[in-house]
Amino acid sequence: MSGAQDQPLFRQPSVQQRLEDFVHVSSQPTHHPYRRQCCSNARLSQSPQGPIDPGCLDAVALDLRDIQEIGQFVEKAGTVDIDHCSAICAHLLHAECLWTPSRIGVVRKRAHFAPTPASDAQTPIKQPVHELQRITLQVVSGTVASRLWNEYVARYHYLGYTPMSGSQIRYNVFAGEQLVACISFGACAWKLKDREKFIGWSEEQRQKNLQLVVNNARFLVLPWIESKGLASKILSLAARQLPIDWLNRYGFRPVLLETFVEYERHRGTCYKAANWINVGRTAGRGKKSISHKKLIPAKDIWLYPLRKNFAAELCQ
């Protein structure tokens, strides 16, 4: 694609040309962290009408879960043809989540969730977890619940709120009727040296099975909740419930969880208590970064196998 004017992908003369243009745009240098991953994940067949790896769509879809057409394509089981991919790309262009070359380098304004009385502090809890009412995880669904979850995380999590890309599930955690925590899971890191060593998979196996690894992106126990053992209890419950919810939503079960903990700020005590495994430390480049420079604080890498034979499944 060339010229000063932005041209939506679906105006290109052919399906193959549209997709080639998309991959070209996706690979351009930019501040946008997902574009290079879209290009890396797209494994195109030699035939212009051949299938495209549906794993690409999770990276492409970004935050446009509210667009019905994209949601249908992303959640569709099996292969998705190039025409569908082109339609998704066109939606992304119109929604300003992808740009043609004349707009490369433009960064969308980050979503902001101003505090409201709905997220004000509630009744404090100081009892240990075994004295609380039953702990339950409820999938966040609906616009009102989604915005409130985002508001809690933006207001009380030290990293704030950041939209997740692709496949994801968010939970509200309750003790009886009282909200005590928020937790989310989404796309895993593209590459992690210590994780790959722990799993023992090849580059080809990693690219094929990366979707089976899910990242615990945010975990917030609300600041007025001081219940000993609660955090590790929530992690244990999430490890049992997430594979079922993920299967219902996306058609497959993940086999490994990962998360990152800033070791200078937290020791990862709740992850250790929930039997997660510390396998190493990041290089500080960011989960989706293609840079080789340290951009953020290095973090400890914690993994939790969801199956005993997780390595065999990931190394197929």
C-alpha atoms as a PDB file:
ATOM      1  CA  MET A   1       0.000   0.000   0.000  1.00  0.00           C
ATOM      2  CA  SER A   2       1.359   3.436  -0.881  1.00  0.00           C
ATOM      3  CA  GLY A   3       0.306   7.043  -1.228  1.00  0.00           C
ATOM      4  CA  ALA A   4      -0.721   9.686   1.237  1.00  0.00           C
ATOM      5  CA  GLN A   5      -4.358   8.677   1.613  1.00  0.00           C
ATOM      6  CA  ASP A   6      -5.495   5.891   3.895  1.00  0.00           C
ATOM      7  CA  GLN A   7      -7.033   3.020   1.948  1.00  0.00           C
ATOM      8  CA  PRO A   8      -9.211   0.382   3.689  1.00  0.00           C
ATOM      9  CA  LEU A   9      -8.062  -3.126   2.904  1.00  0.00           C
ATOM     10  CA  PHE A  10     -11.329  -4.247   1.339  1.00  0.00           C
ATOM     11  CA  ARG A  11     -10.884  -1.737  -1.531  1.00  0.00           C
ATOM     12  CA  GLN A  12      -7.854  -3.590  -2.848  1.00  0.00           C
ATOM     13  CA  PRO A  13      -8.374  -5.466  -6.140  1.00  0.00           C
ATOM     14  CA  SER A  14      -8.007  -9.007  -4.874  1.00  0.00           C
ATOM     15  CA  VAL A  15      -8.282 -11.064  -1.713  1.00  0.00           C
ATOM     16  CA  GLN A  16      -4.630 -12.075  -1.782  1.00  0.00           C
ATOM     17  CA  GLN A  17      -3.500  -8.493  -2.369  1.00  0.00           C
ATOM     18  CA  ARG A  18      -5.664  -7.311   0.522  1.00  0.00           C
ATOM     19  CA  LEU A  19      -4.085  -9.804   2.887  1.00  0.00           C
ATOM     20  CA  GLU A  20      -0.564  -9.120   1.642  1.00  0.00           C
ATOM     21  CA  ASP A  21      -1.158  -5.423   2.235  1.00  0.00           C
ATOM     22  CA  PHE A  22      -2.425  -6.176   5.739  1.00  0.00           C
ATOM     23  CA  VAL A  23       0.670  -8.217   6.609  1.00  0.00           C
ATOM     24  CA  HIS A  24       2.845  -5.458   5.149  1.00  0.00           C
ATOM     25  CA  VAL A  25       1.151  -2.810   7.271  1.00  0.00           C
ATOM     26  CA  SER A  26       1.235  -5.090  10.305  1.00  0.00           C
ATOM     27  CA  SER A  27       5.001  -5.486  10.096  1.00  0.00           C
ATOM     28  CA  GLN A  28       5.844  -1.775   9.942  1.00  0.00           C
ATOM     29  CA  PRO A  29       7.741  -0.225  12.897  1.00  0.00           C
ATOM     30  CA  THR A  30       5.304   1.403  15.276  1.00  0.00           C
ATOM     31  CA  HIS A  31       4.581   2.007  18.929  1.00  0.00           C
ATOM     32  CA  HIS A  32       1.607  -0.326  18.658  1.00  0.00           C
ATOM     33  CA  PRO A  33       2.679  -3.553  20.458  1.00  0.00           C
ATOM     34  CA  TYR A  34       0.364  -6.011  18.698  1.00  0.00           C
ATOM     35  CA  ARG A  35       1.062  -5.249  15.040  1.00  0.00           C
ATOM     36  CA  ARG A  36       4.242  -7.318  14.721  1.00  0.00           C
ATOM     37  CA  GLN A  37       2.585 -10.249  16.495  1.00  0.00           C
ATOM     38  CA  CYS A  38      -0.241 -10.209  13.960  1.00  0.00           C
ATOM     39  CA  CYS A  39       2.325 -10.522  11.185  1.00  0.00           C
ATOM     40  CA  SER A  40       4.280 -13.241  12.984  1.00  0.00           C
ATOM     41  CA  ASN A  41       1.185 -15.295  13.739  1.00  0.00           C
ATOM     42  CA  ALA A  42      -0.285 -15.159  10.227  1.00  0.00           C
ATOM     43  CA  ARG A  43       0.704 -18.389   8.463  1.00  0.00           C
ATOM     44  CA  LEU A  44      -0.665 -18.082   4.963  1.00  0.00           C
ATOM     45  CA  SER A  45      -1.105 -20.958   2.540  1.00  0.00           C
ATOM     46  CA  GLN A  46       0.195 -20.827  -1.035  1.00  0.00           C
ATOM     47  CA  SER A  47      -3.355 -20.759  -2.400  1.00  0.00           C
ATOM     48  CA  PRO A  48      -5.036 -17.324  -2.535  1.00  0.00           C
ATOM     49  CA  GLN A  49      -8.170 -18.935  -1.112  1.00  0.00           C
ATOM     50  CA  GLY A  50      -6.347 -21.160   1.376  1.00  0.00           C
ATOM     51  CA  PRO A  51      -6.959 -21.133   5.140  1.00  0.00           C
ATOM     52  CA  ILE A  52      -5.329 -18.733   7.548  1.00  0.00           C
ATOM     53  CA  ASP A  53      -4.299 -19.803  11.017  1.00  0.00           C
ATOM     54  CA  PRO A  54      -7.196 -18.766  13.308  1.00  0.00           C
ATOM     55  CA  GLY A  55      -4.639 -18.091  16.042  1.00  0.00           C
ATOM     56  CA  CYS A  56      -3.839 -14.939  14.105  1.00  0.00           C
ATOM     57  CA  LEU A  57      -7.297 -13.590  14.822  1.00  0.00           C
ATOM     58  CA  ASP A  58      -6.803 -13.470  18.572  1.00  0.00           C
ATOM     59  CA  ALA A  59      -3.866 -11.136  18.026  1.00  0.00           C
ATOM     60  CA  VAL A  60      -5.703  -9.100  15.410  1.00  0.00           C
ATOM     61  CA  ALA A  61      -8.949  -8.634  17.297  1.00  0.00           C
ATOM     62  CA  LEU A  62      -7.423  -6.512  20.059  1.00  0.00           C
ATOM     63  CA  ASP A  63     -10.153  -4.845  22.086  1.00  0.00           C
ATOM     64  CA  LEU A  64     -12.983  -5.033  19.574  1.00  0.00           C
ATOM     65  CA  ARG A  65     -14.973  -7.708  21.369  1.00  0.00           C
ATOM     66  CA  ASP A  66     -18.003  -5.419  21.186  1.00  0.00           C
ATOM     67  CA  ILE A  67     -18.067  -5.622  17.390  1.00  0.00           C
ATOM     68  CA  GLN A  68     -20.326  -8.574  16.755  1.00  0.00           C
ATOM     69  CA  GLU A  69     -18.875  -9.545  13.411  1.00  0.00           C
ATOM     70  CA  ILE A  70     -15.337  -9.764  14.751  1.00  0.00           C
ATOM     71  CA  GLY A  71     -16.483 -11.694  17.803  1.00  0.00           C
ATOM     72  CA  GLN A  72     -18.172 -14.246  15.592  1.00  0.00           C
ATOM     73  CA  PHE A  73     -15.046 -14.752  13.504  1.00  0.00           C
ATOM     74  CA  VAL A  74     -12.668 -14.910  16.461  1.00  0.00           C
ATOM     75  CA  GLU A  75     -14.765 -17.449  18.348  1.00  0.00           C
ATOM     76  CA  LYS A  76     -15.506 -19.574  15.289  1.00  0.00           C
ATOM     77  CA  ALA A  77     -14.023 -23.055  15.566  1.00  0.00           C
ATOM     78  CA  GLY A  78     -11.719 -24.368  12.863  1.00  0.00           C
ATOM     79  CA  THR A  79     -10.110 -22.463  10.007  1.00  0.00           C
ATOM     80  CA  VAL A  80     -11.196 -19.046   8.875  1.00  0.00           C
ATOM     81  CA  ASP A  81     -10.762 -18.116   5.220  1.00  0.00           C
ATOM     82  CA  ILE A  82      -8.979 -15.077   3.883  1.00  0.00           C
ATOM     83  CA  ASP A  83     -12.192 -13.238   3.047  1.00  0.00           C
ATOM     84  CA  HIS A  84     -13.168 -13.384   6.712  1.00  0.00           C
ATOM     85  CA  CYS A  85      -9.731 -12.174   7.746  1.00  0.00           C
ATOM     86  CA  SER A  86      -9.989  -9.289   5.288  1.00  0.00           C
ATOM     87  CA  ALA A  87     -13.361  -8.331   6.730  1.00  0.00           C
ATOM     88  CA  ILE A  88     -11.866  -8.298  10.217  1.00  0.00           C
ATOM     89  CA  CYS A  89      -8.994  -6.129   9.029  1.00  0.00           C
ATOM     90  CA  ALA A  90     -11.443  -3.699   7.462  1.00  0.00           C
ATOM     91  CA  HIS A  91     -13.351  -3.424  10.758  1.00  0.00           C
ATOM     92  CA  LEU A  92     -10.088  -2.785  12.582  1.00  0.00           C
ATOM     93  CA  LEU A  93      -9.178  -0.016  10.166  1.00  0.00           C
ATOM     94  CA  HIS A  94     -12.518   1.698  10.594  1.00  0.00           C
ATOM     95  CA  ALA A  95     -12.242   1.332  14.381  1.00  0.00           C
ATOM     96  CA  GLU A  96      -8.761   2.894  14.227  1.00  0.00           C
ATOM     97  CA  CYS A  97      -6.974  -0.064  15.804  1.00  0.00           C
ATOM     98  CA  LEU A  98      -4.935  -0.663  12.637  1.00  0.00           C
ATOM     99  CA  TRP A  99      -3.542   2.029  10.385  1.00  0.00           C
ATOM    100  CA  THR A 100      -2.297   2.265   6.825  1.00  0.00           C
ATOM    101  CA  PRO A 101       1.287   3.576   6.383  1.00  0.00           C
ATOM    102  CA  SER A 102       0.314   7.255   6.481  1.00  0.00           C
ATOM    103  CA  ARG A 103      -0.902   6.763  10.078  1.00  0.00           C
ATOM    104  CA  ILE A 104       1.895   4.567  11.427  1.00  0.00           C
ATOM    105  CA  GLY A 105       3.207   5.835  14.742  1.00  0.00           C
ATOM    106  CA  VAL A 106      -0.150   7.163  15.915  1.00  0.00           C
ATOM    107  CA  VAL A 107      -1.111   5.738  19.294  1.00  0.00           C
ATOM    108  CA  ARG A 108      -4.740   5.517  20.370  1.00  0.00           C
ATOM    109  CA  LYS A 109      -5.705   7.360  23.544  1.00  0.00           C
ATOM    110  CA  ARG A 110      -5.779   4.918  26.452  1.00  0.00           C
ATOM    111  CA  ALA A 111      -9.171   4.212  27.963  1.00  0.00           C
ATOM    112  CA  HIS A 112      -9.767   6.119  31.196  1.00  0.00           C
ATOM    113  CA  PHE A 113     -12.110   5.071  33.978  1.00  0.00           C
ATOM    114  CA  ALA A 114     -12.687   7.873  36.440  1.00  0.00           C
ATOM    115  CA  PRO A 115     -13.563   6.749  39.994  1.00  0.00           C
ATOM    116  CA  THR A 116     -17.262   6.702  40.845  1.00  0.00           C
ATOM    117  CA  PRO A 117     -19.108   5.904  44.088  1.00  0.00           C
ATOM    118  CA  ALA A 118     -19.714   2.395  42.725  1.00  0.00           C
ATOM    119  CA  SER A 119     -16.051   1.524  43.365  1.00  0.00           C
ATOM    120  CA  ASP A 120     -15.709   3.247  46.750  1.00  0.00           C
ATOM    121  CA  ALA A 121     -14.425   1.222  49.698  1.00  0.00           C
ATOM    122  CA  GLN A 122     -16.897  -1.186  51.240  1.00  0.00           C
ATOM    123  CA  THR A 123     -17.118  -3.086  54.526  1.00  0.00           C
ATOM    124  CA  PRO A 124     -13.606  -4.200  55.552  1.00  0.00           C
ATOM    125  CA  ILE A 125     -12.918  -7.912  55.984  1.00  0.00           C
ATOM    126  CA  LYS A 126     -10.176  -9.080  58.336  1.00  0.00           C
ATOM    127  CA  GLN A 127     -11.128 -12.716  58.994  1.00  0.00           C
ATOM    128  CA  PRO A 128      -8.894 -15.490  57.596  1.00  0.00           C
ATOM    129  CA  VAL A 129     -10.178 -17.199  54.499  1.00  0.00           C
ATOM    130  CA  HIS A 130     -11.521 -20.277  56.306  1.00  0.00           C
ATOM    131  CA  GLU A 131     -13.915 -18.027  58.262  1.00  0.00           C
ATOM    132  CA  LEU A 132     -15.339 -16.305  55.193  1.00  0.00           C
ATOM    133  CA  GLN A 133     -18.472 -17.242  53.342  1.00  0.00           C
ATOM    134  CA  ARG A 134     -18.063 -19.387  50.218  1.00  0.00           C
ATOM    135  CA  ILE A 135     -15.614 -17.946  47.681  1.00  0.00           C
ATOM    136  CA  THR A 136     -16.939 -17.892  44.111  1.00  0.00           C
ATOM    137  CA  LEU A 137     -15.636 -16.637  40.770  1.00  0.00           C
ATOM    138  CA  GLN A 138     -18.173 -15.096  38.395  1.00  0.00           C
ATOM    139  CA  VAL A 139     -17.315 -14.374  34.766  1.00  0.00           C
ATOM    140  CA  VAL A 140     -17.674 -10.672  33.986  1.00  0.00           C
ATOM    141  CA  SER A 141     -20.333 -10.151  31.328  1.00  0.00           C
ATOM    142  CA  GLY A 142     -22.397  -7.187  30.210  1.00  0.00           C
ATOM    143  CA  THR A 143     -21.441  -3.552  29.722  1.00  0.00           C
ATOM    144  CA  VAL A 144     -22.158  -2.377  33.282  1.00  0.00           C
ATOM    145  CA  ALA A 145     -20.233  -5.202  34.981  1.00  0.00           C
ATOM    146  CA  SER A 146     -17.377  -4.858  32.507  1.00  0.00           C
ATOM    147  CA  ARG A 147     -16.976  -1.139  33.087  1.00  0.00           C
ATOM    148  CA  LEU A 148     -17.112  -1.554  36.864  1.00  0.00           C
ATOM    149  CA  TRP A 149     -14.419  -4.277  36.743  1.00  0.00           C
ATOM    150  CA  ASN A 150     -12.250  -1.939  34.676  1.00  0.00           C
ATOM    151  CA  GLU A 151     -12.889   0.878  37.134  1.00  0.00           C
ATOM    152  CA  TYR A 152     -11.834  -1.197  40.146  1.00  0.00           C
ATOM    153  CA  VAL A 153      -8.605  -2.227  38.436  1.00  0.00           C
ATOM    154  CA  ALA A 154      -7.870   1.290  37.174  1.00  0.00           C
ATOM    155  CA  ARG A 155      -8.467   2.736  40.644  1.00  0.00           C
ATOM    156  CA  TYR A 156      -6.786   0.214  42.924  1.00  0.00           C
ATOM    157  CA  HIS A 157      -4.241  -1.869  40.972  1.00  0.00           C
ATOM    158  CA  TYR A 158      -0.753  -0.362  40.988  1.00  0.00           C
ATOM    159  CA  LEU A 159      -0.407  -1.016  37.241  1.00  0.00           C
ATOM    160  CA  GLY A 160      -3.828   0.449  36.485  1.00  0.00           C
ATOM    161  CA  TYR A 161      -6.123  -0.724  33.706  1.00  0.00           C
ATOM    162  CA  THR A 162      -4.761  -1.843  30.341  1.00  0.00           C
ATOM    163  CA  PRO A 163      -6.963  -3.450  27.660  1.00  0.00           C
ATOM    164  CA  MET A 164      -6.093  -7.078  26.929  1.00  0.00           C
ATOM    165  CA  SER A 165      -5.727  -8.447  23.428  1.00  0.00           C
ATOM    166  CA  GLY A 166      -7.431 -11.466  21.975  1.00  0.00           C
ATOM    167  CA  SER A 167      -8.854 -14.336  24.019  1.00  0.00           C
ATOM    168  CA  GLN A 168      -9.596 -13.382  27.607  1.00  0.00           C
ATOM    169  CA  ILE A 169     -11.774 -13.964  30.645  1.00  0.00           C
ATOM    170  CA  ARG A 170     -12.297 -11.639  33.599  1.00  0.00           C
ATOM    171  CA  TYR A 171     -13.735 -12.664  36.936  1.00  0.00           C
ATOM    172  CA  ASN A 172     -15.330 -10.917  39.883  1.00  0.00           C
ATOM    173  CA  VAL A 173     -14.535 -12.802  43.075  1.00  0.00           C
ATOM    174  CA  PHE A 174     -17.078 -12.869  45.896  1.00  0.00           C
ATOM    175  CA  ALA A 175     -17.108 -13.994  49.516  1.00  0.00           C
ATOM    176  CA  GLY A 176     -20.786 -14.688  49.860  1.00  0.00           C
ATOM    177  CA  GLU A 177     -22.366 -11.539  48.370  1.00  0.00           C
ATOM    178  CA  GLN A 178     -19.402  -9.201  48.904  1.00  0.00           C
ATOM    179  CA  LEU A 179     -16.914  -8.467  46.133  1.00  0.00           C
ATOM    180  CA  VAL A 180     -13.397  -9.148  47.391  1.00  0.00           C
ATOM    181  CA  ALA A 181     -11.186  -9.356  44.292  1.00  0.00           C
ATOM    182  CA  CYS A 182     -10.850  -8.994  40.517  1.00  0.00           C
ATOM    183  CA  ILE A 183      -8.761 -11.287  38.334  1.00  0.00           C
ATOM    184  CA  SER A 184      -8.223 -11.633  34.592  1.00  0.00           C
ATOM    185  CA  PHE A 185      -6.628 -14.038  32.144  1.00  0.00           C
ATOM    186  CA  GLY A 186      -5.616 -13.450  28.542  1.00  0.00           C
ATOM    187  CA  ALA A 187      -3.014 -13.961  25.845  1.00  0.00           C
ATOM    188  CA  CYS A 188       0.388 -15.134  27.035  1.00  0.00           C
ATOM    189  CA  ALA A 189       3.788 -13.615  26.289  1.00  0.00           C
ATOM    190  CA  TRP A 190       5.072 -14.181  22.757  1.00  0.00           C
ATOM    191  CA  LYS A 191       8.542 -15.370  23.845  1.00  0.00           C
ATOM    192  CA  LEU A 192      10.119 -16.065  27.241  1.00  0.00           C
ATOM    193  CA  LYS A 193      13.509 -17.723  27.423  1.00  0.00           C
ATOM    194  CA  ASP A 194      13.008 -19.292  30.854  1.00  0.00           C
ATOM    195  CA  ARG A 195       9.452 -20.429  30.069  1.00  0.00           C
ATOM    196  CA  GLU A 196      10.535 -22.092  26.831  1.00  0.00           C
ATOM    197  CA  LYS A 197      13.340 -23.877  28.684  1.00  0.00           C
ATOM    198  CA  PHE A 198      10.901 -25.109  31.349  1.00  0.00           C
ATOM    199  CA  ILE A 199       8.475 -26.448  28.728  1.00  0.00           C
ATOM    200  CA  GLY A 200      11.168 -27.828  26.453  1.00  0.00           C
ATOM    201  CA  TRP A 201       9.361 -27.137  23.177  1.00  0.00           C
ATOM    202  CA  SER A 202      10.811 -26.277  19.793  1.00  0.00           C
ATOM    203  CA  GLU A 203      10.167 -23.040  17.936  1.00  0.00           C
ATOM    204  CA  GLU A 204       7.702 -24.791  15.655  1.00  0.00           C
ATOM    205  CA  GLN A 205       5.890 -26.347  18.615  1.00  0.00           C
ATOM    206  CA  ARG A 206       5.792 -22.987  20.394  1.00  0.00           C
ATOM    207  CA  GLN A 207       4.158 -21.230  17.467  1.00  0.00           C
ATOM    208  CA  LYS A 208       1.685 -24.081  17.036  1.00  0.00           C
ATOM    209  CA  ASN A 209       0.629 -24.427  20.683  1.00  0.00           C
ATOM    210  CA  LEU A 210       1.164 -20.989  22.208  1.00  0.00           C
ATOM    211  CA  GLN A 211      -2.595 -20.477  22.540  1.00  0.00           C
ATOM    212  CA  LEU A 212      -2.632 -23.283  25.135  1.00  0.00           C
ATOM    213  CA  VAL A 213      -0.692 -21.021  27.518  1.00  0.00           C
ATOM    214  CA  VAL A 214      -2.805 -18.370  29.258  1.00  0.00           C
ATOM    215  CA  ASN A 215      -1.540 -15.328  31.151  1.00  0.00           C
ATOM    216  CA  ASN A 216      -2.880 -14.129  34.499  1.00  0.00           C
ATOM    217  CA  ALA A 217      -2.833 -10.469  33.475  1.00  0.00           C
ATOM    218  CA  ARG A 218      -4.288  -8.783  36.562  1.00  0.00           C
ATOM    219  CA  PHE A 219      -4.991  -9.920  40.111  1.00  0.00           C
ATOM    220  CA  LEU A 220      -6.418  -7.410  42.554  1.00  0.00           C
ATOM    221  CA  VAL A 221      -7.531  -8.167  46.091  1.00  0.00           C
ATOM    222  CA  LEU A 222      -9.432  -5.029  47.047  1.00  0.00           C
ATOM    223  CA  PRO A 223      -7.454  -2.908  49.534  1.00  0.00           C
ATOM    224  CA  TRP A 224     -10.058  -3.098  52.322  1.00  0.00           C
ATOM    225  CA  ILE A 225      -9.915  -6.920  52.228  1.00  0.00           C
ATOM    226  CA  GLU A 226      -7.250  -8.275  54.621  1.00  0.00           C
ATOM    227  CA  SER A 227      -8.025 -11.971  54.746  1.00  0.00           C
ATOM    228  CA  LYS A 228      -5.096 -14.312  55.349  1.00  0.00           C
ATOM    229  CA  GLY A 229      -4.939 -17.047  52.729  1.00  0.00           C
ATOM    230  CA  LEU A 230      -7.550 -15.470  50.456  1.00  0.00           C
ATOM    231  CA  ALA A 231      -5.254 -14.680  47.514  1.00  0.00           C
ATOM    232  CA  SER A 232      -3.888 -18.217  47.212  1.00  0.00           C
ATOM    233  CA  LYS A 233      -7.408 -19.626  47.621  1.00  0.00           C
ATOM    234  CA  ILE A 234      -8.605 -17.508  44.685  1.00  0.00           C
ATOM    235  CA  LEU A 235      -5.694 -18.667  42.529  1.00  0.00           C
ATOM    236  CA  SER A 236      -6.482 -22.300  43.312  1.00  0.00           C
ATOM    237  CA  LEU A 237     -10.161 -21.839  42.461  1.00  0.00           C
ATOM    238  CA  ALA A 238      -9.281 -20.002  39.243  1.00  0.00           C
ATOM    239  CA  ALA A 239      -6.972 -22.827  38.150  1.00  0.00           C
ATOM    240  CA  ARG A 240      -9.901 -25.254  38.432  1.00  0.00           C
ATOM    241  CA  GLN A 241     -12.589 -23.047  36.902  1.00  0.00           C
ATOM    242  CA  LEU A 242     -10.694 -21.301  34.104  1.00  0.00           C
ATOM    243  CA  PRO A 243     -10.147 -24.374  31.857  1.00  0.00           C
ATOM    244  CA  ILE A 244     -13.904 -25.065  31.862  1.00  0.00           C
ATOM    245  CA  ASP A 245     -14.855 -21.446  31.137  1.00  0.00           C
ATOM    246  CA  TRP A 246     -12.158 -21.190  28.466  1.00  0.00           C
ATOM    247  CA  LEU A 247     -13.445 -24.343  26.797  1.00  0.00           C
ATOM    248  CA  ASN A 248     -16.999 -23.008  26.784  1.00  0.00           C
ATOM    249  CA  ARG A 249     -15.913 -19.675  25.321  1.00  0.00           C
ATOM    250  CA  TYR A 250     -13.132 -20.644  22.919  1.00  0.00           C
ATOM    251  CA  GLY A 251     -13.519 -24.366  22.276  1.00  0.00           C
ATOM    252  CA  PHE A 252     -10.304 -25.655  23.871  1.00  0.00           C
ATOM    253  CA  ARG A 253      -8.696 -26.066  27.282  1.00  0.00           C
ATOM    254  CA  PRO A 254      -5.429 -24.300  28.169  1.00  0.00           C
ATOM    255  CA  VAL A 255      -2.760 -26.504  29.740  1.00  0.00           C
ATOM    256  CA  LEU A 256      -0.471 -23.940  31.381  1.00  0.00           C
ATOM    257  CA  LEU A 257      -0.890 -20.619  33.217  1.00  0.00           C
ATOM    258  CA  GLU A 258       1.751 -17.908  33.488  1.00  0.00           C
ATOM    259  CA  THR A 259       2.089 -14.616  35.298  1.00  0.00           C
ATOM    260  CA  PHE A 260       4.729 -12.010  36.080  1.00  0.00           C
ATOM    261  CA  VAL A 261       5.556 -10.488  39.462  1.00  0.00           C
ATOM    262  CA  GLU A 262       7.769  -7.436  40.004  1.00  0.00           C
ATOM    263  CA  TYR A 263      10.243  -9.002  42.424  1.00  0.00           C
ATOM    264  CA  GLU A 264      11.328  -5.607  43.800  1.00  0.00           C
ATOM    265  CA  ARG A 265       7.725  -4.896  44.804  1.00  0.00           C
ATOM    266  CA  HIS A 266       6.234  -8.338  45.575  1.00  0.00           C
ATOM    267  CA  ARG A 267       7.654 -11.735  46.508  1.00  0.00           C
ATOM    268  CA  GLY A 268       4.923 -13.756  44.845  1.00  0.00           C
ATOM    269  CA  THR A 269       3.951 -15.350  48.162  1.00  0.00           C
ATOM    270  CA  CYS A 270       0.358 -16.094  47.152  1.00  0.00           C
ATOM    271  CA  TYR A 271       1.492 -17.774  43.915  1.00  0.00           C
ATOM    272  CA  LYS A 272       3.962 -19.923  45.809  1.00  0.00           C
ATOM    273  CA  ALA A 273       1.264 -20.867  48.336  1.00  0.00           C
ATOM    274  CA  ALA A 274      -0.999 -21.888  45.432  1.00  0.00           C
ATOM    275  CA  ASN A 275       1.765 -24.173  44.057  1.00  0.00           C
ATOM    276  CA  TRP A 276       2.839 -21.990  41.144  1.00  0.00           C
ATOM    277  CA  ILE A 277       6.455 -22.477  40.047  1.00  0.00           C
ATOM    278  CA  ASN A 278       9.020 -19.670  39.760  1.00  0.00           C
ATOM    279  CA  VAL A 279      10.999 -20.585  36.635  1.00  0.00           C
ATOM    280  CA  GLY A 280      13.095 -17.470  36.083  1.00  0.00           C
ATOM    281  CA  ARG A 281      12.983 -13.779  35.328  1.00  0.00           C
ATOM    282  CA  THR A 282      12.037 -11.631  32.346  1.00  0.00           C
ATOM    283  CA  ALA A 283      14.452  -9.388  30.495  1.00  0.00           C
ATOM    284  CA  GLY A 284      12.255  -6.332  31.072  1.00  0.00           C
ATOM    285  CA  ARG A 285      11.195  -5.876  27.451  1.00  0.00           C
ATOM    286  CA  GLY A 286       7.429  -6.245  27.920  1.00  0.00           C
ATOM    287  CA  LYS A 287       5.026  -9.061  27.100  1.00  0.00           C
ATOM    288  CA  LYS A 288       4.450  -8.083  23.454  1.00  0.00           C
ATOM    289  CA  SER A 289       7.601  -6.089  22.736  1.00  0.00           C
ATOM    290  CA  ILE A 290       9.883  -6.748  19.768  1.00  0.00           C
ATOM    291  CA  SER A 291      12.634  -4.530  21.203  1.00  0.00           C
ATOM    292  CA  HIS A 292      15.858  -5.939  22.650  1.00  0.00           C
ATOM    293  CA  LYS A 293      16.213  -3.099  25.152  1.00  0.00           C
ATOM    294  CA  LYS A 294      15.000  -3.101  28.744  1.00  0.00           C
ATOM    295  CA  LEU A 295      11.831  -0.995  28.782  1.00  0.00           C
ATOM    296  CA  ILE A 296      10.076  -1.975  32.039  1.00  0.00           C
ATOM    297  CA  PRO A 297      11.093  -3.486  35.398  1.00  0.00           C
ATOM    298  CA  ALA A 298      12.190  -7.124  35.162  1.00  0.00           C
ATOM    299  CA  LYS A 299       9.731  -9.584  36.678  1.00  0.00           C
ATOM    300  CA  ASP A 300       9.747 -13.087  38.089  1.00  0.00           C
ATOM    301  CA  ILE A 301       8.055 -15.655  35.856  1.00  0.00           C
ATOM    302  CA  TRP A 302       5.557 -17.941  37.600  1.00  0.00           C
ATOM    303  CA  LEU A 303       3.953 -20.932  35.868  1.00  0.00           C
ATOM    304  CA  TYR A 304       1.144 -23.274  36.862  1.00  0.00           C
ATOM    305  CA  PRO A 305       0.603 -26.531  34.915  1.00  0.00           C
ATOM    306  CA  LEU A 306      -3.086 -27.318  34.522  1.00  0.00           C
ATOM    307  CA  ARG A 307      -2.379 -30.934  33.521  1.00  0.00           C
ATOM    308  CA  LYS A 308       0.250 -33.455  34.567  1.00  0.00           C
ATOM    309  CA  ASN A 309       1.202 -34.065  30.939  1.00  0.00           C
ATOM    310  CA  PHE A 310       1.254 -30.356  30.019  1.00  0.00           C
ATOM    311  CA  ALA A 311       4.752 -30.542  28.507  1.00  0.00           C
ATOM    312  CA  ALA A 312       3.836 -33.483  26.267  1.00  0.00           C
ATOM    313  CA  GLU A 313       0.791 -31.605  24.975  1.00  0.00           C
ATOM    314  CA  LEU A 314       2.728 -28.407  24.331  1.00  0.00           C
ATOM    315  CA  CYS A 315       5.547 -30.294  22.615  1.00  0.00           C
ATOM    316  CA  GLN A 316       3.321 -32.103  20.105  1.00  0.00           C
END
